[in-house]
Amino acid sequence: MRLTEHLMNVNVTYILCTALMSDCQSSKFIMDELSTSSAESEAQAVRFQMDGLPDLYKQIQQLLCTTLSEHSFMVRQEELRIMQRSSFYLEIRRYDHHENTQRVSDTKLWSLLDKQRQRSIMTLAYNRVELLLALQELLYEELIEGCKELKAFVDRYDQGLADGDAAAQAQQRFLRTHQDLKDFESRMTRDAAKLYQQNQCTPNDGHPPGIPLSISLIIKMPVMINRLKSRVTSNVVHLYWEVADMQSEDQKQMFQIQIKCLPQTCAEQEDVYDYTTCQQHYLKISDLKPKRDYEFSVRRLDRMTLVREKFVDTISLRMVEKDAPVST
């Protein structure tokens, strides 16, 4: 009886082992098939990448010679510098029932908003400006890095060292660089962002409620002193300035000019003159002291809806001696 039970156990064990070995062999066969299929797919992908290498090489070369050329980067860097120096304002418009804009002064419309709403809008606008400038700087750095990688791929191709992996990486960087260029250029505009569209503002007491407003965040190019045209005599300064990228003067723009008489010694107190305003892009400043150093700065007068202004152009000029020739 015990012998019979033992034989039965042996048979069961043998059957189980045989089944397990069969399953292992089947699994190994399936894994081998999958591995072979995966290897064939990878080989086909590599062959496809290698076949497309010449076209990819030409596309990258064309990009490096045009939008990623050294001159293009110089232009892009100057655009970014101007944008960082620009002033950002809120532009407020009122809408009528026919959806047509009625131009009313920003100052008047801004005064309709209560103080809490003004602070909230200003905070939102400032944060958007900071985010916009940070993104533009990151995109510019990413374009430089992408240009380096694409040039490295071109060098490897010229040396006959480009393989399928290099082609795949170059293809990804090529597409990503195209997208970075598109994003960078799309943000280089004077209309930075639309904050509110036909928003029902909360007016102050005494004004009718529910005035539909559109509030936009706009960019105004920086005010730059013209150092070539500005000149001094013994007691007069001829100060010229302009707005970057503006071909003609904006007669509606008011400017504020600050004049400082710098101290000659450490013990001497700084003499700050009163501010003066001007609508033109030129100001003649008289009755200054000979042989003294003066500092002049020019900025826009409008401050009511100003969101961000971190650049104010300043120039230092020394008055010449009396009866001396005019310096330029």
Protein backbone atom coordinates (compact mmCIF):
# COMPACT_ATOMS: atom_id res chain seq x y z
CA MET A 1 0.00 0.00 0.00
CA ARG A 2 2.77 2.40 0.92
CA LEU A 3 4.66 1.42 -2.24
CA THR A 4 1.60 2.20 -4.35
CA GLU A 5 1.15 5.60 -2.72
CA HIS A 6 4.84 6.35 -3.24
CA LEU A 7 4.62 5.48 -6.94
CA MET A 8 1.55 7.65 -7.33
CA ASN A 9 3.38 10.60 -5.72
CA VAL A 10 6.31 10.06 -8.04
CA ASN A 11 4.02 10.09 -11.05
CA VAL A 12 2.30 13.29 -9.91
CA THR A 13 5.68 14.96 -9.31
CA TYR A 14 6.89 13.85 -12.73
CA ILE A 15 3.76 15.21 -14.41
CA LEU A 16 4.10 18.55 -12.61
CA CYS A 17 7.79 18.85 -13.50
CA THR A 18 7.07 17.96 -17.11
CA ALA A 19 4.32 20.59 -17.28
CA LEU A 20 6.57 23.18 -15.64
CA MET A 21 9.39 22.50 -18.09
CA SER A 22 6.94 22.76 -20.98
CA ASP A 23 5.71 26.12 -19.69
CA CYS A 24 9.29 27.37 -19.29
CA GLN A 25 10.13 26.29 -22.82
CA SER A 26 6.99 28.03 -24.12
CA SER A 27 7.80 31.20 -22.17
CA LYS A 28 11.36 31.14 -23.45
CA PHE A 29 10.05 30.73 -26.99
CA ILE A 30 7.67 33.67 -26.55
CA MET A 31 10.42 35.85 -25.03
CA ASP A 32 12.78 34.92 -27.86
CA GLU A 33 10.10 35.85 -30.38
CA LEU A 34 9.44 39.18 -28.65
CA SER A 35 13.16 39.90 -28.42
CA THR A 36 13.61 39.10 -32.10
CA SER A 37 10.63 41.28 -33.02
CA SER A 38 11.93 44.16 -30.87
CA ALA A 39 15.41 43.86 -32.36
CA GLU A 40 13.96 43.88 -35.86
CA SER A 41 11.88 47.00 -35.04
CA GLU A 42 14.93 48.75 -33.65
CA ALA A 43 16.94 47.77 -36.70
CA GLN A 44 14.22 49.14 -38.99
CA ALA A 45 14.14 52.39 -36.98
CA VAL A 46 17.91 52.71 -37.23
CA ARG A 47 17.80 52.04 -41.00
CA PHE A 48 15.07 54.68 -41.33
CA GLN A 49 17.10 57.19 -39.34
CA MET A 50 20.24 56.45 -41.30
CA ASP A 51 18.36 56.78 -44.61
CA GLY A 52 17.06 60.19 -43.51
CA LEU A 53 20.45 61.46 -42.34
CA PRO A 54 21.28 63.49 -45.49
CA ASP A 55 17.94 65.31 -45.41
CA LEU A 56 18.22 66.00 -41.69
CA TYR A 57 21.76 67.26 -42.20
CA LYS A 58 20.60 69.71 -44.89
CA GLN A 59 17.70 70.96 -42.75
CA ILE A 60 19.97 71.59 -39.78
CA GLN A 61 22.56 73.34 -41.92
CA GLN A 62 19.88 75.62 -43.36
CA LEU A 63 18.61 76.45 -39.85
CA LEU A 64 22.14 77.23 -38.64
CA CYS A 65 22.71 79.55 -41.60
CA THR A 66 19.44 81.47 -41.16
CA THR A 67 17.48 81.74 -37.91
CA LEU A 68 20.33 80.34 -35.80
CA SER A 69 23.11 82.35 -37.43
CA GLU A 70 25.43 84.54 -35.38
CA HIS A 71 23.76 87.69 -36.72
CA SER A 72 20.30 86.36 -35.79
CA PHE A 73 21.46 85.73 -32.22
CA MET A 74 22.84 89.27 -31.99
CA VAL A 75 19.49 90.69 -33.15
CA ARG A 76 17.59 88.41 -30.76
CA GLN A 77 19.83 89.39 -27.86
CA GLU A 78 19.22 93.09 -28.55
CA GLU A 79 15.46 92.49 -28.73
CA LEU A 80 15.60 90.74 -25.36
CA ARG A 81 17.66 93.56 -23.84
CA ILE A 82 15.17 96.17 -25.07
CA MET A 83 12.29 94.12 -23.72
CA GLN A 84 13.95 93.85 -20.30
CA ARG A 85 14.43 97.65 -20.27
CA SER A 86 10.89 98.40 -21.40
CA SER A 87 8.10 99.79 -19.26
CA PHE A 88 4.92 97.78 -18.78
CA TYR A 89 1.57 99.53 -18.44
CA LEU A 90 -2.08 98.68 -18.09
CA GLU A 91 -4.22 99.84 -20.96
CA ILE A 92 -7.88 100.20 -19.98
CA ARG A 93 -10.75 100.47 -22.45
CA ARG A 94 -14.48 100.87 -21.98
CA TYR A 95 -17.01 99.02 -24.17
CA ASP A 96 -20.46 100.16 -25.22
CA HIS A 97 -23.45 97.91 -25.96
CA HIS A 98 -22.35 97.41 -29.57
CA GLU A 99 -18.98 95.98 -28.53
CA ASN A 100 -17.17 99.03 -29.93
CA THR A 101 -14.33 100.51 -27.92
CA GLN A 102 -14.71 104.04 -26.61
CA ARG A 103 -11.35 105.63 -25.89
CA VAL A 104 -11.37 107.21 -22.43
CA SER A 105 -8.23 108.10 -20.52
CA ASP A 106 -6.69 105.25 -18.54
CA THR A 107 -6.43 107.53 -15.52
CA LYS A 108 -10.17 108.24 -15.49
CA LEU A 109 -11.17 104.60 -15.96
CA TRP A 110 -8.60 103.42 -13.41
CA SER A 111 -10.11 105.77 -10.81
CA LEU A 112 -13.44 103.93 -11.15
CA LEU A 113 -11.93 100.81 -9.62
CA ASP A 114 -11.80 100.46 -5.86
CA LYS A 115 -8.39 100.27 -4.18
CA GLN A 116 -8.58 96.55 -3.48
CA ARG A 117 -9.31 95.75 -7.13
CA GLN A 118 -6.48 98.04 -8.25
CA ARG A 119 -3.99 96.25 -5.99
CA SER A 120 -5.19 92.84 -7.17
CA ILE A 121 -4.88 93.77 -10.86
CA MET A 122 -1.45 95.37 -10.34
CA THR A 123 -0.15 92.28 -8.52
CA LEU A 124 -1.42 89.96 -11.26
CA ALA A 125 0.06 92.16 -13.98
CA TYR A 126 3.45 92.43 -12.26
CA ASN A 127 3.67 88.67 -11.76
CA ARG A 128 2.85 88.12 -15.45
CA VAL A 129 5.58 90.52 -16.51
CA GLU A 130 8.18 88.82 -14.31
CA LEU A 131 7.14 85.40 -15.61
CA LEU A 132 7.22 86.63 -19.22
CA LEU A 133 10.75 88.04 -18.89
CA ALA A 134 12.01 84.93 -17.08
CA LEU A 135 10.58 82.67 -19.80
CA GLN A 136 12.11 84.77 -22.56
CA GLU A 137 15.54 84.58 -20.94
CA LEU A 138 15.24 80.80 -20.49
CA LEU A 139 14.14 80.38 -24.11
CA TYR A 140 17.10 82.42 -25.31
CA GLU A 141 19.50 80.25 -23.31
CA GLU A 142 17.79 77.11 -24.62
CA LEU A 143 18.24 78.36 -28.21
CA ILE A 144 21.97 78.81 -27.57
CA GLU A 145 22.22 75.29 -26.17
CA GLY A 146 20.24 73.87 -29.08
CA CYS A 147 22.50 75.64 -31.56
CA LYS A 148 25.57 74.08 -29.92
CA GLU A 149 24.09 70.57 -30.10
CA LEU A 150 23.04 70.94 -33.73
CA LYS A 151 26.51 72.22 -34.68
CA ALA A 152 28.05 69.22 -32.89
CA PHE A 153 25.84 66.89 -34.95
CA VAL A 154 26.92 68.60 -38.20
CA ASP A 155 30.57 68.16 -37.22
CA ARG A 156 30.03 64.44 -36.48
CA TYR A 157 28.26 63.98 -39.81
CA ASP A 158 31.10 65.68 -41.69
CA GLN A 159 33.54 63.30 -40.00
CA GLY A 160 31.41 60.26 -40.87
CA LEU A 161 30.68 59.51 -37.20
CA ALA A 162 26.92 60.13 -37.15
CA ASP A 163 24.92 56.98 -36.34
CA GLY A 164 21.26 56.19 -35.71
CA ASP A 165 21.34 57.35 -32.08
CA ALA A 166 22.95 60.65 -33.07
CA ALA A 167 20.33 61.12 -35.77
CA ALA A 168 17.48 60.48 -33.31
CA GLN A 169 18.89 62.97 -30.80
CA ALA A 170 19.51 65.57 -33.51
CA GLN A 171 15.96 65.13 -34.83
CA GLN A 172 14.49 65.72 -31.36
CA ARG A 173 16.68 68.78 -30.77
CA PHE A 174 15.82 70.12 -34.25
CA LEU A 175 12.08 69.94 -33.56
CA ARG A 176 12.44 71.34 -30.04
CA THR A 177 14.53 74.26 -31.30
CA HIS A 178 11.89 75.08 -33.90
CA GLN A 179 9.29 75.23 -31.13
CA ASP A 180 11.55 77.37 -28.92
CA LEU A 181 12.02 79.82 -31.80
CA LYS A 182 8.27 80.03 -32.32
CA ASP A 183 7.63 80.61 -28.60
CA PHE A 184 10.36 83.24 -28.34
CA GLU A 185 9.15 85.24 -31.34
CA SER A 186 5.49 85.04 -30.34
CA ARG A 187 6.21 86.75 -27.01
CA MET A 188 8.28 89.57 -28.54
CA THR A 189 5.24 91.78 -28.95
CA ARG A 190 3.93 94.96 -27.39
CA ASP A 191 0.72 93.22 -26.29
CA ALA A 192 2.15 91.06 -23.54
CA ALA A 193 -1.08 89.53 -22.29
CA LYS A 194 -4.80 90.13 -22.09
CA LEU A 195 -5.71 90.27 -18.40
CA TYR A 196 -9.41 90.96 -18.48
CA GLN A 197 -12.00 91.18 -21.26
CA GLN A 198 -15.23 93.11 -20.60
CA ASN A 199 -14.81 92.62 -16.89
CA GLN A 200 -17.50 94.16 -14.63
CA CYS A 201 -15.45 96.51 -12.52
CA THR A 202 -16.33 97.62 -8.99
CA PRO A 203 -16.65 101.40 -9.10
CA ASN A 204 -16.10 103.82 -6.28
CA ASP A 205 -19.04 105.50 -4.57
CA GLY A 206 -20.94 107.95 -6.74
CA HIS A 207 -20.34 106.11 -10.04
CA PRO A 208 -22.80 103.83 -11.87
CA PRO A 209 -22.07 100.12 -11.31
CA GLY A 210 -21.36 97.50 -13.94
CA ILE A 211 -19.05 99.32 -16.35
CA PRO A 212 -17.60 96.79 -18.86
CA LEU A 213 -13.84 97.17 -19.12
CA SER A 214 -11.04 95.50 -21.03
CA ILE A 215 -7.67 95.68 -19.29
CA SER A 216 -4.56 94.75 -21.28
CA LEU A 217 -0.91 94.59 -20.32
CA ILE A 218 1.12 96.52 -22.91
CA ILE A 219 4.81 97.19 -23.48
CA LYS A 220 6.26 100.63 -24.07
CA MET A 221 9.76 100.72 -25.46
CA PRO A 222 12.48 102.22 -23.22
CA VAL A 223 13.34 105.93 -23.31
CA MET A 224 17.00 106.28 -24.34
CA ILE A 225 19.17 109.41 -24.10
CA ASN A 226 20.86 110.26 -27.39
CA ARG A 227 24.48 110.57 -26.35
CA LEU A 228 25.65 111.61 -29.81
CA LYS A 229 23.38 114.62 -30.08
CA SER A 230 23.40 115.77 -26.45
CA ARG A 231 26.02 118.48 -25.73
CA VAL A 232 27.07 121.03 -23.11
CA THR A 233 28.47 124.55 -22.86
CA SER A 234 29.63 126.43 -19.78
CA ASN A 235 26.12 126.76 -18.33
CA VAL A 236 23.71 125.10 -20.80
CA VAL A 237 22.90 121.48 -21.60
CA HIS A 238 21.14 120.44 -24.81
CA LEU A 239 19.58 117.10 -23.90
CA TYR A 240 18.14 114.79 -26.57
CA TRP A 241 16.37 111.47 -26.12
CA GLU A 242 14.30 108.99 -28.11
CA VAL A 243 12.11 105.95 -27.70
CA ALA A 244 13.72 102.70 -28.85
CA ASP A 245 12.44 101.35 -32.18
CA MET A 246 10.37 104.50 -32.81
CA GLN A 247 10.91 106.10 -36.22
CA SER A 248 9.07 109.32 -35.32
CA GLU A 249 8.27 111.23 -32.16
CA ASP A 250 5.04 110.58 -30.30
CA GLN A 251 3.64 114.06 -29.64
CA LYS A 252 1.16 112.71 -27.07
CA GLN A 253 3.92 111.44 -24.79
CA MET A 254 5.02 113.49 -21.78
CA PHE A 255 8.48 113.04 -20.27
CA GLN A 256 9.94 113.83 -16.88
CA ILE A 257 13.54 115.03 -16.63
CA GLN A 258 15.48 114.93 -13.38
CA ILE A 259 18.56 117.11 -12.91
CA LYS A 260 21.18 116.51 -10.22
CA CYS A 261 24.20 118.62 -9.45
CA LEU A 262 26.74 116.11 -8.22
CA PRO A 263 28.90 117.00 -5.20
CA GLN A 264 32.52 117.95 -5.82
CA THR A 265 33.72 116.67 -2.43
CA CYS A 266 32.56 114.00 -0.03
CA ALA A 267 31.54 116.64 2.51
CA GLU A 268 29.41 118.55 0.02
CA GLN A 269 25.73 117.75 -0.01
CA GLU A 270 24.12 116.56 -3.24
CA ASP A 271 22.11 119.32 -4.87
CA VAL A 272 18.93 117.93 -6.50
CA TYR A 273 17.05 120.26 -8.83
CA ASP A 274 13.30 120.21 -9.26
CA TYR A 275 11.88 117.90 -11.86
CA THR A 276 10.80 119.38 -15.15
CA THR A 277 8.48 118.00 -17.82
CA CYS A 278 8.60 118.15 -21.59
CA GLN A 279 6.48 116.87 -24.48
CA GLN A 280 9.24 117.03 -27.07
CA HIS A 281 12.30 114.79 -27.30
CA TYR A 282 14.63 117.69 -26.59
CA LEU A 283 15.19 120.04 -23.66
CA LYS A 284 17.49 123.02 -23.21
CA ILE A 285 18.58 123.39 -19.57
CA SER A 286 20.12 126.76 -18.71
CA ASP A 287 21.73 128.55 -15.74
CA LEU A 288 23.99 125.67 -14.76
CA LYS A 289 27.33 126.11 -13.05
CA PRO A 290 30.58 125.92 -15.05
CA LYS A 291 33.01 123.09 -14.35
CA ARG A 292 30.40 121.14 -12.39
CA ASP A 293 29.18 117.57 -12.93
CA TYR A 294 25.48 117.07 -13.56
CA GLU A 295 23.39 113.94 -13.86
CA PHE A 296 20.31 113.85 -16.09
CA SER A 297 17.66 111.15 -16.33
CA VAL A 298 14.60 110.91 -18.56
CA ARG A 299 11.46 108.81 -18.05
CA ARG A 300 7.80 108.86 -19.02
CA LEU A 301 5.61 111.11 -16.91
CA ASP A 302 2.63 108.73 -16.85
CA ARG A 303 2.78 106.73 -13.61
CA MET A 304 -0.87 105.95 -12.84
CA THR A 305 -1.11 102.58 -14.62
CA LEU A 306 2.61 101.72 -14.58
CA VAL A 307 3.18 98.07 -13.66
CA ARG A 308 6.96 97.70 -13.98
CA GLU A 309 9.83 100.05 -14.83
CA LYS A 310 13.31 98.96 -13.78
CA PHE A 311 15.34 100.96 -16.27
CA VAL A 312 15.70 104.74 -16.33
CA ASP A 313 18.39 106.01 -18.68
CA THR A 314 20.86 108.38 -17.01
CA ILE A 315 23.80 110.41 -18.28
CA SER A 316 26.50 112.38 -16.45
CA LEU A 317 27.89 115.53 -18.08
CA ARG A 318 30.58 118.00 -17.00
CA MET A 319 30.04 121.65 -17.76
CA VAL A 320 32.95 123.29 -19.56
CA GLU A 321 34.77 126.44 -18.53
CA LYS A 322 33.46 129.79 -19.64
CA ASP A 323 34.31 130.81 -23.18
CA ALA A 324 35.58 127.30 -23.92
CA PRO A 325 34.61 125.60 -27.22
CA VAL A 326 31.42 123.55 -27.24
CA SER A 327 31.99 119.88 -26.52
CA THR A 328 30.07 117.10 -28.19
